[in-house]
Amino acid sequence: MKTIDLLAIGEPLMEFAEVQRGGERLYLPGFGGDVSNTAVAAARQGAKVAIFTALGGDAFGREFLALWDREGIDRSSVLLRREGRTGVYFISYGEEGHVFSYARAGSAASLVHTGELPLDLITSSRVLHVSGISQAISSDCADAIFAAIRHAKANGTTVSYDTNLRLRLWPLDRARAVIHGAVALSDIALPGLDDAQQLTGLDRPEDICAFYLGVGCRIVALTMGKSGTMVATSDRLEVLPARPVQAVDATGAGDTFDGAFLAEWLVHGDAFKAAAYANAAAALSTLGQGAVGPMPTRNDVERFLRTA
C-alpha cells in the first residue's frame, strides 16, 4: 500500500537573498534547493510528502529539519552527517534579474550514495521526484538517483524528473548523457524551455515535447515562462496560459510549479488540469522574494483561480 504521495530526493540549500535597507545591502536567510522547494510546494497543496537527503550537523541543517516539520513533511529518512555541512547559496539582484552564487562543494547531500537510499520509502510512495541537480552534485549522487528510479519503476512508483540544467555543476555533454538517460526511465518530464533547448538541441516547444515522449515519458509539462506551459501526452498537446501577475522575484517558481503540478495530478490524474493549476501556483510564488516564503497554499491558489 502506498502511504506517501510524493518522495523528493536531492540537495537542500540554505538561501541568503539580497535586500536593500537604509542604503545597505543585506542578505536575509531562507530556504532553497530544487527538490526541497518542490516538496514544500506539494505539501502546501495538501499532498503527503517525504524527503530524503543528507544534512550537515550545523545550524543550517537544523533549520531545514524545523522547516520540514512545520510543513508536515516526513523527514524520518534524512541522514545527519555531524561533521558535514549543509550547502548555501546567495541571491543578488541586478538589471537582468536574479543572480545566484553557490557554496555547495562537498556538502553533506553530495556524499549520498546508493547504499543509503531508503528503498522501503521509495516503494511506499506514489511518486518519486528527482532532478538534474540531484544527479549533478556528484557521481555518487548520479548513480544513486539512477538506482532510486529503477527501484521505483520495479515497485509501481511513478517517476517525475525535472531536467533543471546547471552548467556550473557539470559540462553540457555529460549533463545530456545523464539527464537523457534518467528521463528515458521516467514517467513524467518537467523541463523548462531554456534548459530543454540546450539539452535537446531543439528550438520548437512541440519538438521538445515530442523528444521527451519519444524517449519514453508518458507526460511532458514544458514550462515556458510568460508563454505558459505546453503539456503533451501520446494523444494530446495543449498550451496552458500563464497567469499574469506583478512579479517581484521568480526564484523557486519552477519548483512551485513542479510541486503544485504533482500534488494536483495525484488528485485526479489529468495532466492538463494539473498544469493549469500549477501555473496559478507558480504565478503566486513570484509575488515575494526568495524561494519558499512566497509559495502559496491550496487555499491561496483556489482563491486566485476563482478571482483571476
C-alpha atoms as a PDB file:
ATOM      1  CA  MET A   1       0.000   0.000   0.000  1.00  0.00           C
ATOM      2  CA  LYS A   2       1.296   3.441  -0.967  1.00  0.00           C
ATOM      3  CA  THR A   3       1.355   5.673   2.112  1.00  0.00           C
ATOM      4  CA  ILE A   4       3.282   8.700   0.751  1.00  0.00           C
ATOM      5  CA  ASP A   5       2.076  10.826  -2.159  1.00  0.00           C
ATOM      6  CA  LEU A   6       5.428  12.316  -3.105  1.00  0.00           C
ATOM      7  CA  LEU A   7       9.003  11.462  -2.162  1.00  0.00           C
ATOM      8  CA  ALA A   8      11.624  14.050  -3.174  1.00  0.00           C
ATOM      9  CA  ILE A   9      15.333  13.211  -3.315  1.00  0.00           C
ATOM     10  CA  GLY A  10      18.007  15.886  -3.749  1.00  0.00           C
ATOM     11  CA  GLU A  11      20.027  18.641  -2.127  1.00  0.00           C
ATOM     12  CA  PRO A  12      18.602  21.358   0.133  1.00  0.00           C
ATOM     13  CA  LEU A  13      20.444  24.673   0.196  1.00  0.00           C
ATOM     14  CA  MET A  14      20.278  27.455   2.742  1.00  0.00           C
ATOM     15  CA  GLU A  15      19.312  30.648   0.942  1.00  0.00           C
ATOM     16  CA  PHE A  16      20.520  34.201   1.549  1.00  0.00           C
ATOM     17  CA  ALA A  17      18.606  36.750  -0.529  1.00  0.00           C
ATOM     18  CA  GLU A  18      19.788  40.308  -1.086  1.00  0.00           C
ATOM     19  CA  VAL A  19      17.697  43.194   0.209  1.00  0.00           C
ATOM     20  CA  GLN A  20      18.384  46.923   0.329  1.00  0.00           C
ATOM     21  CA  ARG A  21      17.635  48.579   3.662  1.00  0.00           C
ATOM     22  CA  GLY A  22      18.627  52.083   4.636  1.00  0.00           C
ATOM     23  CA  GLY A  23      21.176  52.243   1.858  1.00  0.00           C
ATOM     24  CA  GLU A  24      22.821  48.995   2.963  1.00  0.00           C
ATOM     25  CA  ARG A  25      22.830  45.645   1.205  1.00  0.00           C
ATOM     26  CA  LEU A  26      21.779  42.793   3.473  1.00  0.00           C
ATOM     27  CA  TYR A  27      21.254  39.084   2.882  1.00  0.00           C
ATOM     28  CA  LEU A  28      18.231  37.568   4.592  1.00  0.00           C
ATOM     29  CA  PRO A  29      18.135  33.818   5.279  1.00  0.00           C
ATOM     30  CA  GLY A  30      15.640  31.497   3.662  1.00  0.00           C
ATOM     31  CA  PHE A  31      15.423  28.013   2.181  1.00  0.00           C
ATOM     32  CA  GLY A  32      16.229  26.638  -1.258  1.00  0.00           C
ATOM     33  CA  GLY A  33      17.278  23.595  -3.210  1.00  0.00           C
ATOM     34  CA  ASP A  34      15.005  22.487  -6.021  1.00  0.00           C
ATOM     35  CA  VAL A  35      13.571  19.246  -4.664  1.00  0.00           C
ATOM     36  CA  SER A  36      13.138  20.633  -1.145  1.00  0.00           C
ATOM     37  CA  ASN A  37      11.260  23.547  -2.705  1.00  0.00           C
ATOM     38  CA  THR A  38       9.123  21.108  -4.680  1.00  0.00           C
ATOM     39  CA  ALA A  39       8.404  19.111  -1.522  1.00  0.00           C
ATOM     40  CA  VAL A  40       7.258  22.239   0.330  1.00  0.00           C
ATOM     41  CA  ALA A  41       5.111  23.372  -2.596  1.00  0.00           C
ATOM     42  CA  ALA A  42       3.411  19.972  -2.796  1.00  0.00           C
ATOM     43  CA  ALA A  43       2.858  19.833   0.955  1.00  0.00           C
ATOM     44  CA  ARG A  44       1.193  23.255   0.868  1.00  0.00           C
ATOM     45  CA  GLN A  45      -1.246  21.857  -1.710  1.00  0.00           C
ATOM     46  CA  GLY A  46      -2.234  19.120   0.721  1.00  0.00           C
ATOM     47  CA  ALA A  47      -0.078  16.242  -0.541  1.00  0.00           C
ATOM     48  CA  LYS A  48       1.521  13.813   1.897  1.00  0.00           C
ATOM     49  CA  VAL A  49       5.211  14.409   1.255  1.00  0.00           C
ATOM     50  CA  ALA A  50       8.517  12.880   2.331  1.00  0.00           C
ATOM     51  CA  ILE A  51      12.093  13.914   1.613  1.00  0.00           C
ATOM     52  CA  PHE A  52      15.380  12.053   1.512  1.00  0.00           C
ATOM     53  CA  THR A  53      18.760  13.784   1.591  1.00  0.00           C
ATOM     54  CA  ALA A  54      21.704  14.349   3.916  1.00  0.00           C
ATOM     55  CA  LEU A  55      22.290  17.423   6.071  1.00  0.00           C
ATOM     56  CA  GLY A  56      25.339  18.704   7.868  1.00  0.00           C
ATOM     57  CA  GLY A  57      25.487  18.800  11.641  1.00  0.00           C
ATOM     58  CA  ASP A  58      25.261  22.587  11.552  1.00  0.00           C
ATOM     59  CA  ALA A  59      22.709  25.298  12.259  1.00  0.00           C
ATOM     60  CA  PHE A  60      21.551  25.272   8.639  1.00  0.00           C
ATOM     61  CA  GLY A  61      20.797  21.556   8.800  1.00  0.00           C
ATOM     62  CA  ARG A  62      18.749  22.092  11.946  1.00  0.00           C
ATOM     63  CA  GLU A  63      16.858  24.902  10.205  1.00  0.00           C
ATOM     64  CA  PHE A  64      15.839  22.531   7.416  1.00  0.00           C
ATOM     65  CA  LEU A  65      14.618  19.905   9.846  1.00  0.00           C
ATOM     66  CA  ALA A  66      12.497  22.565  11.535  1.00  0.00           C
ATOM     67  CA  LEU A  67      11.169  23.772   8.158  1.00  0.00           C
ATOM     68  CA  TRP A  68      10.100  20.290   7.084  1.00  0.00           C
ATOM     69  CA  ASP A  69       8.482  19.697  10.461  1.00  0.00           C
ATOM     70  CA  ARG A  70       6.489  22.928  10.114  1.00  0.00           C
ATOM     71  CA  GLU A  71       5.382  21.949   6.630  1.00  0.00           C
ATOM     72  CA  GLY A  72       4.332  18.460   7.716  1.00  0.00           C
ATOM     73  CA  ILE A  73       6.965  16.761   5.545  1.00  0.00           C
ATOM     74  CA  ASP A  74       8.182  13.306   6.607  1.00  0.00           C
ATOM     75  CA  ARG A  75      11.951  13.644   7.109  1.00  0.00           C
ATOM     76  CA  SER A  76      12.436  10.395   9.007  1.00  0.00           C
ATOM     77  CA  SER A  77      14.864   9.035   6.397  1.00  0.00           C
ATOM     78  CA  VAL A  78      17.057  12.176   6.242  1.00  0.00           C
ATOM     79  CA  LEU A  79      20.701  11.483   7.093  1.00  0.00           C
ATOM     80  CA  LEU A  80      22.597  13.723   9.516  1.00  0.00           C
ATOM     81  CA  ARG A  81      26.349  13.939   8.977  1.00  0.00           C
ATOM     82  CA  ARG A  82      27.599  15.505  12.178  1.00  0.00           C
ATOM     83  CA  GLU A  83      30.949  16.522  10.702  1.00  0.00           C
ATOM     84  CA  GLY A  84      29.413  17.543   7.385  1.00  0.00           C
ATOM     85  CA  ARG A  85      27.942  20.816   6.236  1.00  0.00           C
ATOM     86  CA  THR A  86      24.791  21.984   4.523  1.00  0.00           C
ATOM     87  CA  GLY A  87      25.120  23.793   1.192  1.00  0.00           C
ATOM     88  CA  VAL A  88      24.460  27.524   0.838  1.00  0.00           C
ATOM     89  CA  TYR A  89      23.587  29.917  -1.988  1.00  0.00           C
ATOM     90  CA  PHE A  90      23.178  33.670  -2.315  1.00  0.00           C
ATOM     91  CA  ILE A  91      20.718  35.599  -4.484  1.00  0.00           C
ATOM     92  CA  SER A  92      21.722  39.016  -5.782  1.00  0.00           C
ATOM     93  CA  TYR A  93      19.550  41.224  -7.966  1.00  0.00           C
ATOM     94  CA  GLY A  94      20.552  43.310 -10.972  1.00  0.00           C
ATOM     95  CA  GLU A  95      19.109  44.811 -14.135  1.00  0.00           C
ATOM     96  CA  GLU A  96      18.605  41.373 -15.696  1.00  0.00           C
ATOM     97  CA  GLY A  97      17.013  39.751 -12.641  1.00  0.00           C
ATOM     98  CA  HIS A  98      18.421  37.452 -10.000  1.00  0.00           C
ATOM     99  CA  VAL A  99      21.975  36.084  -9.924  1.00  0.00           C
ATOM    100  CA  PHE A 100      22.944  33.011  -7.907  1.00  0.00           C
ATOM    101  CA  SER A 101      26.251  32.363  -6.118  1.00  0.00           C
ATOM    102  CA  TYR A 102      26.807  28.919  -4.574  1.00  0.00           C
ATOM    103  CA  ALA A 103      28.881  27.460  -1.720  1.00  0.00           C
ATOM    104  CA  ARG A 104      27.902  23.814  -2.007  1.00  0.00           C
ATOM    105  CA  ALA A 105      31.007  21.791  -2.972  1.00  0.00           C
ATOM    106  CA  GLY A 106      31.412  18.800  -0.663  1.00  0.00           C
ATOM    107  CA  SER A 107      28.044  19.297   1.016  1.00  0.00           C
ATOM    108  CA  ALA A 108      26.552  16.501   3.086  1.00  0.00           C
ATOM    109  CA  ALA A 109      23.917  15.890   0.411  1.00  0.00           C
ATOM    110  CA  SER A 110      26.556  15.463  -2.309  1.00  0.00           C
ATOM    111  CA  LEU A 111      28.026  12.487  -0.426  1.00  0.00           C
ATOM    112  CA  VAL A 112      24.846  10.383  -0.597  1.00  0.00           C
ATOM    113  CA  HIS A 113      25.439   7.028  -2.270  1.00  0.00           C
ATOM    114  CA  THR A 114      23.308   4.144  -3.499  1.00  0.00           C
ATOM    115  CA  GLY A 115      23.677   2.099  -0.315  1.00  0.00           C
ATOM    116  CA  GLU A 116      21.994   4.846   1.692  1.00  0.00           C
ATOM    117  CA  LEU A 117      18.763   5.009  -0.325  1.00  0.00           C
ATOM    118  CA  PRO A 118      15.505   4.489   1.626  1.00  0.00           C
ATOM    119  CA  LEU A 119      14.217   1.683  -0.593  1.00  0.00           C
ATOM    120  CA  ASP A 120      11.144   0.947   1.525  1.00  0.00           C
ATOM    121  CA  LEU A 121      10.126   4.608   1.369  1.00  0.00           C
ATOM    122  CA  ILE A 122      10.522   4.652  -2.412  1.00  0.00           C
ATOM    123  CA  THR A 123       8.315   1.570  -2.631  1.00  0.00           C
ATOM    124  CA  SER A 124       5.632   3.113  -0.419  1.00  0.00           C
ATOM    125  CA  SER A 125       5.469   6.381  -2.397  1.00  0.00           C
ATOM    126  CA  ARG A 126       3.093   7.123  -5.253  1.00  0.00           C
ATOM    127  CA  VAL A 127       5.589   9.454  -6.968  1.00  0.00           C
ATOM    128  CA  LEU A 128       9.368   9.750  -6.747  1.00  0.00           C
ATOM    129  CA  HIS A 129      10.573  13.227  -7.758  1.00  0.00           C
ATOM    130  CA  VAL A 130      14.209  13.903  -8.671  1.00  0.00           C
ATOM    131  CA  SER A 131      16.065  16.351 -10.884  1.00  0.00           C
ATOM    132  CA  GLY A 132      19.142  17.024 -12.948  1.00  0.00           C
ATOM    133  CA  ILE A 133      20.613  18.836  -9.954  1.00  0.00           C
ATOM    134  CA  SER A 134      20.056  15.734  -7.821  1.00  0.00           C
ATOM    135  CA  GLN A 135      22.435  13.957 -10.213  1.00  0.00           C
ATOM    136  CA  ALA A 136      24.839  16.816 -10.979  1.00  0.00           C
ATOM    137  CA  ILE A 137      26.216  17.348  -7.471  1.00  0.00           C
ATOM    138  CA  SER A 138      28.414  14.208  -7.541  1.00  0.00           C
ATOM    139  CA  SER A 139      28.966  10.957  -9.396  1.00  0.00           C
ATOM    140  CA  ASP A 140      27.769   9.013  -6.357  1.00  0.00           C
ATOM    141  CA  CYS A 141      24.535  11.013  -6.368  1.00  0.00           C
ATOM    142  CA  ALA A 142      24.072  10.440 -10.095  1.00  0.00           C
ATOM    143  CA  ASP A 143      24.378   6.692  -9.539  1.00  0.00           C
ATOM    144  CA  ALA A 144      22.077   6.814  -6.503  1.00  0.00           C
ATOM    145  CA  ILE A 145      19.349   8.596  -8.448  1.00  0.00           C
ATOM    146  CA  PHE A 146      19.517   6.011 -11.232  1.00  0.00           C
ATOM    147  CA  ALA A 147      19.200   3.280  -8.602  1.00  0.00           C
ATOM    148  CA  ALA A 148      16.263   5.082  -6.971  1.00  0.00           C
ATOM    149  CA  ILE A 149      14.495   5.451 -10.309  1.00  0.00           C
ATOM    150  CA  ARG A 150      14.962   1.787 -11.183  1.00  0.00           C
ATOM    151  CA  HIS A 151      13.707   0.697  -7.764  1.00  0.00           C
ATOM    152  CA  ALA A 152      10.681   2.966  -8.141  1.00  0.00           C
ATOM    153  CA  LYS A 153       9.853   1.559 -11.564  1.00  0.00           C
ATOM    154  CA  ALA A 154      10.196  -2.007 -10.310  1.00  0.00           C
ATOM    155  CA  ASN A 155       7.747  -1.296  -7.494  1.00  0.00           C
ATOM    156  CA  GLY A 156       5.000   0.644  -9.255  1.00  0.00           C
ATOM    157  CA  THR A 157       6.107   4.121  -8.148  1.00  0.00           C
ATOM    158  CA  THR A 158       5.689   6.857 -10.764  1.00  0.00           C
ATOM    159  CA  VAL A 159       8.898   8.773 -11.513  1.00  0.00           C
ATOM    160  CA  SER A 160       8.911  12.541 -12.064  1.00  0.00           C
ATOM    161  CA  TYR A 161      12.059  14.240 -13.385  1.00  0.00           C
ATOM    162  CA  ASP A 162      12.837  17.952 -13.655  1.00  0.00           C
ATOM    163  CA  THR A 163      15.779  18.437 -16.030  1.00  0.00           C
ATOM    164  CA  ASN A 164      16.993  21.571 -14.111  1.00  0.00           C
ATOM    165  CA  LEU A 165      20.237  22.093 -16.007  1.00  0.00           C
ATOM    166  CA  ARG A 166      23.060  23.735 -14.025  1.00  0.00           C
ATOM    167  CA  LEU A 167      26.167  24.089 -16.178  1.00  0.00           C
ATOM    168  CA  ARG A 168      28.202  25.308 -13.202  1.00  0.00           C
ATOM    169  CA  LEU A 169      27.941  21.762 -11.862  1.00  0.00           C
ATOM    170  CA  TRP A 170      28.842  19.769 -14.984  1.00  0.00           C
ATOM    171  CA  PRO A 171      29.606  20.168 -18.707  1.00  0.00           C
ATOM    172  CA  LEU A 172      26.767  20.050 -21.197  1.00  0.00           C
ATOM    173  CA  ASP A 173      27.775  16.765 -22.850  1.00  0.00           C
ATOM    174  CA  ARG A 174      27.820  14.929 -19.519  1.00  0.00           C
ATOM    175  CA  ALA A 175      24.575  16.574 -18.444  1.00  0.00           C
ATOM    176  CA  ARG A 176      22.911  15.482 -21.669  1.00  0.00           C
ATOM    177  CA  ALA A 177      24.034  11.890 -21.291  1.00  0.00           C
ATOM    178  CA  VAL A 178      22.936  11.555 -17.660  1.00  0.00           C
ATOM    179  CA  ILE A 179      19.728  13.579 -17.867  1.00  0.00           C
ATOM    180  CA  HIS A 180      18.548  11.933 -21.086  1.00  0.00           C
ATOM    181  CA  GLY A 181      19.287   8.532 -19.585  1.00  0.00           C
ATOM    182  CA  ALA A 182      17.272   9.347 -16.473  1.00  0.00           C
ATOM    183  CA  VAL A 183      14.386  10.961 -18.347  1.00  0.00           C
ATOM    184  CA  ALA A 184      14.127   7.852 -20.525  1.00  0.00           C
ATOM    185  CA  LEU A 185      13.381   5.863 -17.360  1.00  0.00           C
ATOM    186  CA  SER A 186      10.862   8.408 -16.033  1.00  0.00           C
ATOM    187  CA  ASP A 187       7.100   8.716 -16.431  1.00  0.00           C
ATOM    188  CA  ILE A 188       6.728  12.497 -16.104  1.00  0.00           C
ATOM    189  CA  ALA A 189       9.183  15.025 -17.547  1.00  0.00           C
ATOM    190  CA  LEU A 190       9.116  18.565 -16.144  1.00  0.00           C
ATOM    191  CA  PRO A 191      11.629  20.538 -18.235  1.00  0.00           C
ATOM    192  CA  GLY A 192      11.982  24.283 -18.575  1.00  0.00           C
ATOM    193  CA  LEU A 193      12.206  25.645 -22.111  1.00  0.00           C
ATOM    194  CA  ASP A 194      15.684  27.201 -21.892  1.00  0.00           C
ATOM    195  CA  ASP A 195      17.207  24.091 -20.330  1.00  0.00           C
ATOM    196  CA  ALA A 196      15.438  21.765 -22.738  1.00  0.00           C
ATOM    197  CA  GLN A 197      16.646  23.715 -25.760  1.00  0.00           C
ATOM    198  CA  GLN A 198      20.248  23.304 -24.612  1.00  0.00           C
ATOM    199  CA  LEU A 199      19.819  19.646 -23.685  1.00  0.00           C
ATOM    200  CA  THR A 200      17.979  18.535 -26.823  1.00  0.00           C
ATOM    201  CA  GLY A 201      19.382  20.953 -29.406  1.00  0.00           C
ATOM    202  CA  LEU A 202      15.794  21.663 -30.461  1.00  0.00           C
ATOM    203  CA  ASP A 203      14.101  25.063 -30.564  1.00  0.00           C
ATOM    204  CA  ARG A 204      10.360  24.486 -31.025  1.00  0.00           C
ATOM    205  CA  PRO A 205       8.425  23.514 -27.880  1.00  0.00           C
ATOM    206  CA  GLU A 206       6.428  20.972 -29.890  1.00  0.00           C
ATOM    207  CA  ASP A 207       9.626  19.225 -30.977  1.00  0.00           C
ATOM    208  CA  ILE A 208      10.981  19.220 -27.437  1.00  0.00           C
ATOM    209  CA  CYS A 209       7.800  17.609 -26.118  1.00  0.00           C
ATOM    210  CA  ALA A 210       7.938  15.029 -28.918  1.00  0.00           C
ATOM    211  CA  PHE A 211      11.554  14.275 -27.991  1.00  0.00           C
ATOM    212  CA  TYR A 212      10.731  13.552 -24.356  1.00  0.00           C
ATOM    213  CA  LEU A 213       7.683  11.483 -25.262  1.00  0.00           C
ATOM    214  CA  GLY A 214       9.857   9.624 -27.744  1.00  0.00           C
ATOM    215  CA  VAL A 215      12.397   8.541 -25.134  1.00  0.00           C
ATOM    216  CA  GLY A 216       9.638   7.025 -23.002  1.00  0.00           C
ATOM    217  CA  CYS A 217       7.835   9.602 -20.845  1.00  0.00           C
ATOM    218  CA  ARG A 218       4.048   9.426 -20.595  1.00  0.00           C
ATOM    219  CA  ILE A 219       3.561  13.085 -19.680  1.00  0.00           C
ATOM    220  CA  VAL A 220       5.621  16.160 -20.548  1.00  0.00           C
ATOM    221  CA  ALA A 221       4.913  19.539 -18.940  1.00  0.00           C
ATOM    222  CA  LEU A 222       7.250  22.072 -20.580  1.00  0.00           C
ATOM    223  CA  THR A 223       7.273  25.379 -18.701  1.00  0.00           C
ATOM    224  CA  MET A 224       7.796  28.415 -20.937  1.00  0.00           C
ATOM    225  CA  GLY A 225       7.653  31.373 -18.558  1.00  0.00           C
ATOM    226  CA  LYS A 226       5.227  34.060 -19.681  1.00  0.00           C
ATOM    227  CA  SER A 227       4.206  31.859 -22.632  1.00  0.00           C
ATOM    228  CA  GLY A 228       2.626  29.328 -20.287  1.00  0.00           C
ATOM    229  CA  THR A 229       3.110  25.572 -20.144  1.00  0.00           C
ATOM    230  CA  MET A 230       2.934  23.114 -23.017  1.00  0.00           C
ATOM    231  CA  VAL A 231       1.590  19.751 -21.885  1.00  0.00           C
ATOM    232  CA  ALA A 232       1.936  16.700 -24.082  1.00  0.00           C
ATOM    233  CA  THR A 233       0.777  13.110 -23.886  1.00  0.00           C
ATOM    234  CA  SER A 234       0.644  10.439 -26.564  1.00  0.00           C
ATOM    235  CA  ASP A 235      -2.707  11.707 -27.853  1.00  0.00           C
ATOM    236  CA  ARG A 236      -2.920  15.392 -26.908  1.00  0.00           C
ATOM    237  CA  LEU A 237      -0.866  18.596 -26.998  1.00  0.00           C
ATOM    238  CA  GLU A 238      -2.031  21.843 -25.431  1.00  0.00           C
ATOM    239  CA  VAL A 239      -0.614  25.137 -24.153  1.00  0.00           C
ATOM    240  CA  LEU A 240      -1.993  26.260 -20.801  1.00  0.00           C
ATOM    241  CA  PRO A 241      -1.619  30.058 -20.480  1.00  0.00           C
ATOM    242  CA  ALA A 242       0.459  31.665 -17.760  1.00  0.00           C
ATOM    243  CA  ARG A 243      -1.310  33.708 -15.096  1.00  0.00           C
ATOM    244  CA  PRO A 244      -0.185  37.357 -15.312  1.00  0.00           C
ATOM    245  CA  VAL A 245       0.850  38.972 -12.029  1.00  0.00           C
ATOM    246  CA  GLN A 246       3.143  41.800 -10.945  1.00  0.00           C
ATOM    247  CA  ALA A 247       6.123  39.545 -10.295  1.00  0.00           C
ATOM    248  CA  VAL A 248       8.721  40.502  -7.687  1.00  0.00           C
ATOM    249  CA  ASP A 249      11.083  37.502  -7.806  1.00  0.00           C
ATOM    250  CA  ALA A 250      10.871  34.330  -9.874  1.00  0.00           C
ATOM    251  CA  THR A 251      13.173  32.320  -7.589  1.00  0.00           C
ATOM    252  CA  GLY A 252      11.505  28.973  -6.912  1.00  0.00           C
ATOM    253  CA  ALA A 253       8.657  29.476  -9.416  1.00  0.00           C
ATOM    254  CA  GLY A 254       9.626  26.383 -11.394  1.00  0.00           C
ATOM    255  CA  ASP A 255       9.856  24.303  -8.236  1.00  0.00           C
ATOM    256  CA  THR A 256       6.479  25.616  -7.113  1.00  0.00           C
ATOM    257  CA  PHE A 257       5.077  24.560 -10.475  1.00  0.00           C
ATOM    258  CA  ASP A 258       6.510  21.056 -10.018  1.00  0.00           C
ATOM    259  CA  GLY A 259       5.127  20.586  -6.522  1.00  0.00           C
ATOM    260  CA  ALA A 260       1.706  22.001  -7.362  1.00  0.00           C
ATOM    261  CA  PHE A 261       1.517  20.022 -10.622  1.00  0.00           C
ATOM    262  CA  LEU A 262       2.331  16.712  -8.953  1.00  0.00           C
ATOM    263  CA  ALA A 263       0.047  17.321  -5.973  1.00  0.00           C
ATOM    264  CA  GLU A 264      -2.860  18.218  -8.250  1.00  0.00           C
ATOM    265  CA  TRP A 265      -2.165  15.411 -10.735  1.00  0.00           C
ATOM    266  CA  LEU A 266      -2.253  12.918  -7.879  1.00  0.00           C
ATOM    267  CA  VAL A 267      -5.784  14.084  -7.067  1.00  0.00           C
ATOM    268  CA  HIS A 268      -7.359  13.358 -10.459  1.00  0.00           C
ATOM    269  CA  GLY A 269      -4.732  12.161 -12.942  1.00  0.00           C
ATOM    270  CA  ASP A 270      -5.405  14.900 -15.510  1.00  0.00           C
ATOM    271  CA  ALA A 271      -2.080  16.460 -16.544  1.00  0.00           C
ATOM    272  CA  PHE A 272      -3.744  19.371 -18.345  1.00  0.00           C
ATOM    273  CA  LYS A 273      -5.848  20.417 -15.372  1.00  0.00           C
ATOM    274  CA  ALA A 274      -2.816  19.955 -13.150  1.00  0.00           C
ATOM    275  CA  ALA A 275      -0.731  22.277 -15.327  1.00  0.00           C
ATOM    276  CA  ALA A 276      -3.408  24.986 -15.289  1.00  0.00           C
ATOM    277  CA  TYR A 277      -3.484  24.748 -11.503  1.00  0.00           C
ATOM    278  CA  ALA A 278       0.324  24.754 -11.257  1.00  0.00           C
ATOM    279  CA  ASN A 279       0.593  27.833 -13.488  1.00  0.00           C
ATOM    280  CA  ALA A 280      -1.518  29.712 -10.955  1.00  0.00           C
ATOM    281  CA  ALA A 281       0.574  28.468  -8.035  1.00  0.00           C
ATOM    282  CA  ALA A 282       3.814  29.426  -9.798  1.00  0.00           C
ATOM    283  CA  ALA A 283       2.475  32.915 -10.549  1.00  0.00           C
ATOM    284  CA  LEU A 284       1.597  33.469  -6.893  1.00  0.00           C
ATOM    285  CA  SER A 285       5.063  32.329  -5.827  1.00  0.00           C
ATOM    286  CA  THR A 286       6.639  35.271  -7.672  1.00  0.00           C
ATOM    287  CA  LEU A 287       4.853  37.884  -5.540  1.00  0.00           C
ATOM    288  CA  GLY A 288       7.522  37.868  -2.821  1.00  0.00           C
ATOM    289  CA  GLN A 289      11.281  37.403  -2.539  1.00  0.00           C
ATOM    290  CA  GLY A 290      13.010  34.083  -2.044  1.00  0.00           C
ATOM    291  CA  ALA A 291      12.029  30.543  -2.898  1.00  0.00           C
ATOM    292  CA  VAL A 292       9.928  29.152  -0.045  1.00  0.00           C
ATOM    293  CA  GLY A 293       8.390  32.134   1.713  1.00  0.00           C
ATOM    294  CA  PRO A 294       6.023  33.203  -1.099  1.00  0.00           C
ATOM    295  CA  MET A 295       4.879  29.682  -2.025  1.00  0.00           C
ATOM    296  CA  PRO A 296       1.066  29.587  -1.877  1.00  0.00           C
ATOM    297  CA  THR A 297      -1.186  27.126  -0.082  1.00  0.00           C
ATOM    298  CA  ARG A 298      -4.049  25.306  -1.792  1.00  0.00           C
ATOM    299  CA  ASN A 299      -6.488  27.863  -0.386  1.00  0.00           C
ATOM    300  CA  ASP A 300      -4.391  30.670  -1.892  1.00  0.00           C
ATOM    301  CA  VAL A 301      -4.364  29.026  -5.317  1.00  0.00           C
ATOM    302  CA  GLU A 302      -8.057  28.195  -5.332  1.00  0.00           C
ATOM    303  CA  ARG A 303      -8.944  31.745  -4.278  1.00  0.00           C
ATOM    304  CA  PHE A 304      -6.738  33.141  -7.051  1.00  0.00           C
ATOM    305  CA  LEU A 305      -8.339  30.861  -9.650  1.00  0.00           C
ATOM    306  CA  ARG A 306     -11.810  31.996  -8.583  1.00  0.00           C
ATOM    307  CA  THR A 307     -10.972  35.679  -8.863  1.00  0.00           C
ATOM    308  CA  ALA A 308      -8.455  35.805 -11.730  1.00  0.00           C
END
